Amino acid sequence: MYDDINNFIQKTNRNHFGFGDIQMREPAQITEYIKGGFYDWHTDTNLDMHKEPPVRKLSMTLLLNDPSEFEGGDLQIANRSLIPMKQGHATIFASFLQHTVTPVTRGVRRSLVMWFGGEPFK
């Protein structure tokens, strides 16, 4: 599974971001948001993205359960519209973008979160 995800991320980076050589340098994280759970606005990078490697460059959120199992828990990136997600679908975005997960109002939201990084931005 890691190889499949890594290959997909590499292709996405080449075709859409152009962040150079990136690797999966951190363990994946399973997140579980129960009723009332949320993650406030934040970025997935350090404040100084020009310092020490590895610098997170791409973030990925993959929804693990069916959206009918919960309400709320929406991913929103950079003050834009909520990102519609389906079970098994991934959203990939630049790690330096502000994003949030809105409060879950019913059920449980489960996702796989991964970060890919490399040398500091120039």
C-alpha atoms as a PDB file:
ATOM      1  CA  MET A   1       0.000   0.000   0.000  1.00  0.00           C
ATOM      2  CA  TYR A   2       2.813   2.446   0.871  1.00  0.00           C
ATOM      3  CA  ASP A   3       4.417   1.865  -2.530  1.00  0.00           C
ATOM      4  CA  ASP A   4       1.115   2.546  -4.307  1.00  0.00           C
ATOM      5  CA  ILE A   5       0.561   5.752  -2.337  1.00  0.00           C
ATOM      6  CA  ASN A   6       4.153   6.884  -2.852  1.00  0.00           C
ATOM      7  CA  ASN A   7       3.928   6.289  -6.622  1.00  0.00           C
ATOM      8  CA  PHE A   8       0.663   8.238  -6.752  1.00  0.00           C
ATOM      9  CA  ILE A   9       2.169  11.128  -4.757  1.00  0.00           C
ATOM     10  CA  GLN A  10       5.261  11.246  -6.985  1.00  0.00           C
ATOM     11  CA  LYS A  11       3.084  11.435 -10.109  1.00  0.00           C
ATOM     12  CA  THR A  12       0.832  14.086  -8.550  1.00  0.00           C
ATOM     13  CA  ASN A  13       3.862  16.138  -7.519  1.00  0.00           C
ATOM     14  CA  ARG A  14       5.354  15.978 -11.022  1.00  0.00           C
ATOM     15  CA  ASN A  15       2.081  16.847 -12.762  1.00  0.00           C
ATOM     16  CA  HIS A  16       0.646  19.472 -10.407  1.00  0.00           C
ATOM     17  CA  PHE A  17       3.123  20.848  -7.857  1.00  0.00           C
ATOM     18  CA  GLY A  18       6.723  20.565  -9.091  1.00  0.00           C
ATOM     19  CA  PHE A  19       8.241  20.494  -5.604  1.00  0.00           C
ATOM     20  CA  GLY A  20      11.259  18.465  -6.748  1.00  0.00           C
ATOM     21  CA  ASP A  21      12.356  15.295  -4.966  1.00  0.00           C
ATOM     22  CA  ILE A  22       9.922  14.429  -2.183  1.00  0.00           C
ATOM     23  CA  GLN A  23       9.771  11.355  -0.007  1.00  0.00           C
ATOM     24  CA  MET A  24       7.566   9.904   2.693  1.00  0.00           C
ATOM     25  CA  ARG A  25       9.765  10.675   5.710  1.00  0.00           C
ATOM     26  CA  GLU A  26       7.278  10.331   8.553  1.00  0.00           C
ATOM     27  CA  PRO A  27       4.954   7.557   9.670  1.00  0.00           C
ATOM     28  CA  ALA A  28       1.361   7.709   8.497  1.00  0.00           C
ATOM     29  CA  GLN A  29      -1.202   8.866  11.022  1.00  0.00           C
ATOM     30  CA  ILE A  30      -4.705   7.514  11.536  1.00  0.00           C
ATOM     31  CA  THR A  31      -7.006  10.273  12.753  1.00  0.00           C
ATOM     32  CA  GLU A  32     -10.347   9.666  14.390  1.00  0.00           C
ATOM     33  CA  TYR A  33     -12.749  12.498  15.116  1.00  0.00           C
ATOM     34  CA  ILE A  34     -15.695  11.668  17.373  1.00  0.00           C
ATOM     35  CA  LYS A  35     -18.741  13.928  17.907  1.00  0.00           C
ATOM     36  CA  GLY A  36     -17.426  17.392  18.762  1.00  0.00           C
ATOM     37  CA  GLY A  37     -13.956  16.606  17.403  1.00  0.00           C
ATOM     38  CA  PHE A  38     -12.281  19.027  15.002  1.00  0.00           C
ATOM     39  CA  TYR A  39      -8.882  20.443  14.034  1.00  0.00           C
ATOM     40  CA  ASP A  40      -8.618  24.227  13.984  1.00  0.00           C
ATOM     41  CA  TRP A  41      -6.943  26.212  11.196  1.00  0.00           C
ATOM     42  CA  HIS A  42      -3.262  25.284  10.849  1.00  0.00           C
ATOM     43  CA  THR A  43      -0.484  24.434   8.407  1.00  0.00           C
ATOM     44  CA  ASP A  44       1.555  21.230   8.319  1.00  0.00           C
ATOM     45  CA  THR A  45       4.911  23.022   8.089  1.00  0.00           C
ATOM     46  CA  ASN A  46       7.345  24.743  10.398  1.00  0.00           C
ATOM     47  CA  LEU A  47       7.277  28.517  10.221  1.00  0.00           C
ATOM     48  CA  ASP A  48      10.650  28.604   8.483  1.00  0.00           C
ATOM     49  CA  MET A  49      10.422  26.361   5.413  1.00  0.00           C
ATOM     50  CA  HIS A  50      13.923  27.313   4.287  1.00  0.00           C
ATOM     51  CA  LYS A  51      15.772  25.823   7.260  1.00  0.00           C
ATOM     52  CA  GLU A  52      16.403  22.202   8.082  1.00  0.00           C
ATOM     53  CA  PRO A  53      15.268  19.221   6.030  1.00  0.00           C
ATOM     54  CA  PRO A  54      13.031  17.441   5.755  1.00  0.00           C
ATOM     55  CA  VAL A  55      10.486  20.144   5.041  1.00  0.00           C
ATOM     56  CA  ARG A  56       6.897  18.989   4.617  1.00  0.00           C
ATOM     57  CA  LYS A  57       5.789  19.928   1.113  1.00  0.00           C
ATOM     58  CA  LEU A  58       2.676  17.850   0.389  1.00  0.00           C
ATOM     59  CA  SER A  59      -0.038  16.691   2.768  1.00  0.00           C
ATOM     60  CA  MET A  60      -2.517  13.928   1.998  1.00  0.00           C
ATOM     61  CA  THR A  61      -5.807  13.091   3.687  1.00  0.00           C
ATOM     62  CA  LEU A  62      -7.525   9.842   2.682  1.00  0.00           C
ATOM     63  CA  LEU A  63     -11.016   9.209   4.041  1.00  0.00           C
ATOM     64  CA  LEU A  64     -11.253   5.701   5.513  1.00  0.00           C
ATOM     65  CA  ASN A  65     -14.955   5.430   6.258  1.00  0.00           C
ATOM     66  CA  ASP A  66     -18.155   6.205   4.372  1.00  0.00           C
ATOM     67  CA  PRO A  67     -19.276   9.834   4.753  1.00  0.00           C
ATOM     68  CA  SER A  68     -22.791   8.577   5.576  1.00  0.00           C
ATOM     69  CA  GLU A  69     -21.349   7.369   8.913  1.00  0.00           C
ATOM     70  CA  PHE A  70     -20.777  10.930  10.167  1.00  0.00           C
ATOM     71  CA  GLU A  71     -21.818  14.550   9.728  1.00  0.00           C
ATOM     72  CA  GLY A  72     -19.498  17.538   9.781  1.00  0.00           C
ATOM     73  CA  GLY A  73     -15.800  16.694   9.778  1.00  0.00           C
ATOM     74  CA  ASP A  74     -15.304  18.500   6.485  1.00  0.00           C
ATOM     75  CA  LEU A  75     -11.842  19.357   5.193  1.00  0.00           C
ATOM     76  CA  GLN A  76     -11.508  23.000   4.191  1.00  0.00           C
ATOM     77  CA  ILE A  77      -8.324  24.357   2.620  1.00  0.00           C
ATOM     78  CA  ALA A  78      -7.220  28.012   2.538  1.00  0.00           C
ATOM     79  CA  ASN A  79     -10.631  29.575   3.207  1.00  0.00           C
ATOM     80  CA  ARG A  80     -12.081  27.898   0.137  1.00  0.00           C
ATOM     81  CA  SER A  81     -15.139  25.699  -0.182  1.00  0.00           C
ATOM     82  CA  LEU A  82     -15.378  22.488   1.784  1.00  0.00           C
ATOM     83  CA  ILE A  83     -13.661  19.580   0.025  1.00  0.00           C
ATOM     84  CA  PRO A  84     -16.176  16.817  -0.771  1.00  0.00           C
ATOM     85  CA  MET A  85     -14.644  13.486   0.168  1.00  0.00           C
ATOM     86  CA  LYS A  86     -15.616   9.901  -0.554  1.00  0.00           C
ATOM     87  CA  GLN A  87     -14.415   6.764   1.181  1.00  0.00           C
ATOM     88  CA  GLY A  88     -11.040   5.759  -0.250  1.00  0.00           C
ATOM     89  CA  HIS A  89     -10.471   9.100  -1.979  1.00  0.00           C
ATOM     90  CA  ALA A  90      -7.452  11.254  -1.170  1.00  0.00           C
ATOM     91  CA  THR A  91      -7.040  15.014  -1.114  1.00  0.00           C
ATOM     92  CA  ILE A  92      -3.481  16.246  -1.703  1.00  0.00           C
ATOM     93  CA  PHE A  93      -2.445  19.835  -1.068  1.00  0.00           C
ATOM     94  CA  ALA A  94       0.622  21.956  -0.383  1.00  0.00           C
ATOM     95  CA  SER A  95       1.546  21.568   3.295  1.00  0.00           C
ATOM     96  CA  PHE A  96       2.009  25.313   3.750  1.00  0.00           C
ATOM     97  CA  LEU A  97      -1.680  26.025   3.035  1.00  0.00           C
ATOM     98  CA  GLN A  98      -3.940  26.776   5.985  1.00  0.00           C
ATOM     99  CA  HIS A  99      -6.572  24.082   6.471  1.00  0.00           C
ATOM    100  CA  THR A 100      -9.088  22.854   9.008  1.00  0.00           C
ATOM    101  CA  VAL A 101     -11.400  19.930   9.782  1.00  0.00           C
ATOM    102  CA  THR A 102     -14.819  21.216  10.862  1.00  0.00           C
ATOM    103  CA  PRO A 103     -16.496  19.793  13.994  1.00  0.00           C
ATOM    104  CA  VAL A 104     -18.058  16.346  13.682  1.00  0.00           C
ATOM    105  CA  THR A 105     -21.719  16.615  14.691  1.00  0.00           C
ATOM    106  CA  ARG A 106     -22.677  12.931  14.389  1.00  0.00           C
ATOM    107  CA  GLY A 107     -20.776   9.647  14.198  1.00  0.00           C
ATOM    108  CA  VAL A 108     -17.039   9.144  13.760  1.00  0.00           C
ATOM    109  CA  ARG A 109     -14.762  10.370  10.943  1.00  0.00           C
ATOM    110  CA  ARG A 110     -11.642   8.283  10.223  1.00  0.00           C
ATOM    111  CA  SER A 111      -8.823   9.265   7.910  1.00  0.00           C
ATOM    112  CA  LEU A 112      -5.270   8.389   6.983  1.00  0.00           C
ATOM    113  CA  VAL A 113      -2.975  11.421   6.987  1.00  0.00           C
ATOM    114  CA  MET A 114       0.492  11.437   5.420  1.00  0.00           C
ATOM    115  CA  TRP A 115       3.151  14.036   4.706  1.00  0.00           C
ATOM    116  CA  PHE A 116       5.804  14.085   2.014  1.00  0.00           C
ATOM    117  CA  GLY A 117       8.828  16.325   2.127  1.00  0.00           C
ATOM    118  CA  GLY A 118      12.372  16.963   1.147  1.00  0.00           C
ATOM    119  CA  GLU A 119      15.013  19.639   1.001  1.00  0.00           C
ATOM    120  CA  PRO A 120      14.019  23.156   2.070  1.00  0.00           C
ATOM    121  CA  PHE A 121      12.336  25.424  -0.444  1.00  0.00           C
ATOM    122  CA  LYS A 122      14.797  27.734  -2.194  1.00  0.00           C
END
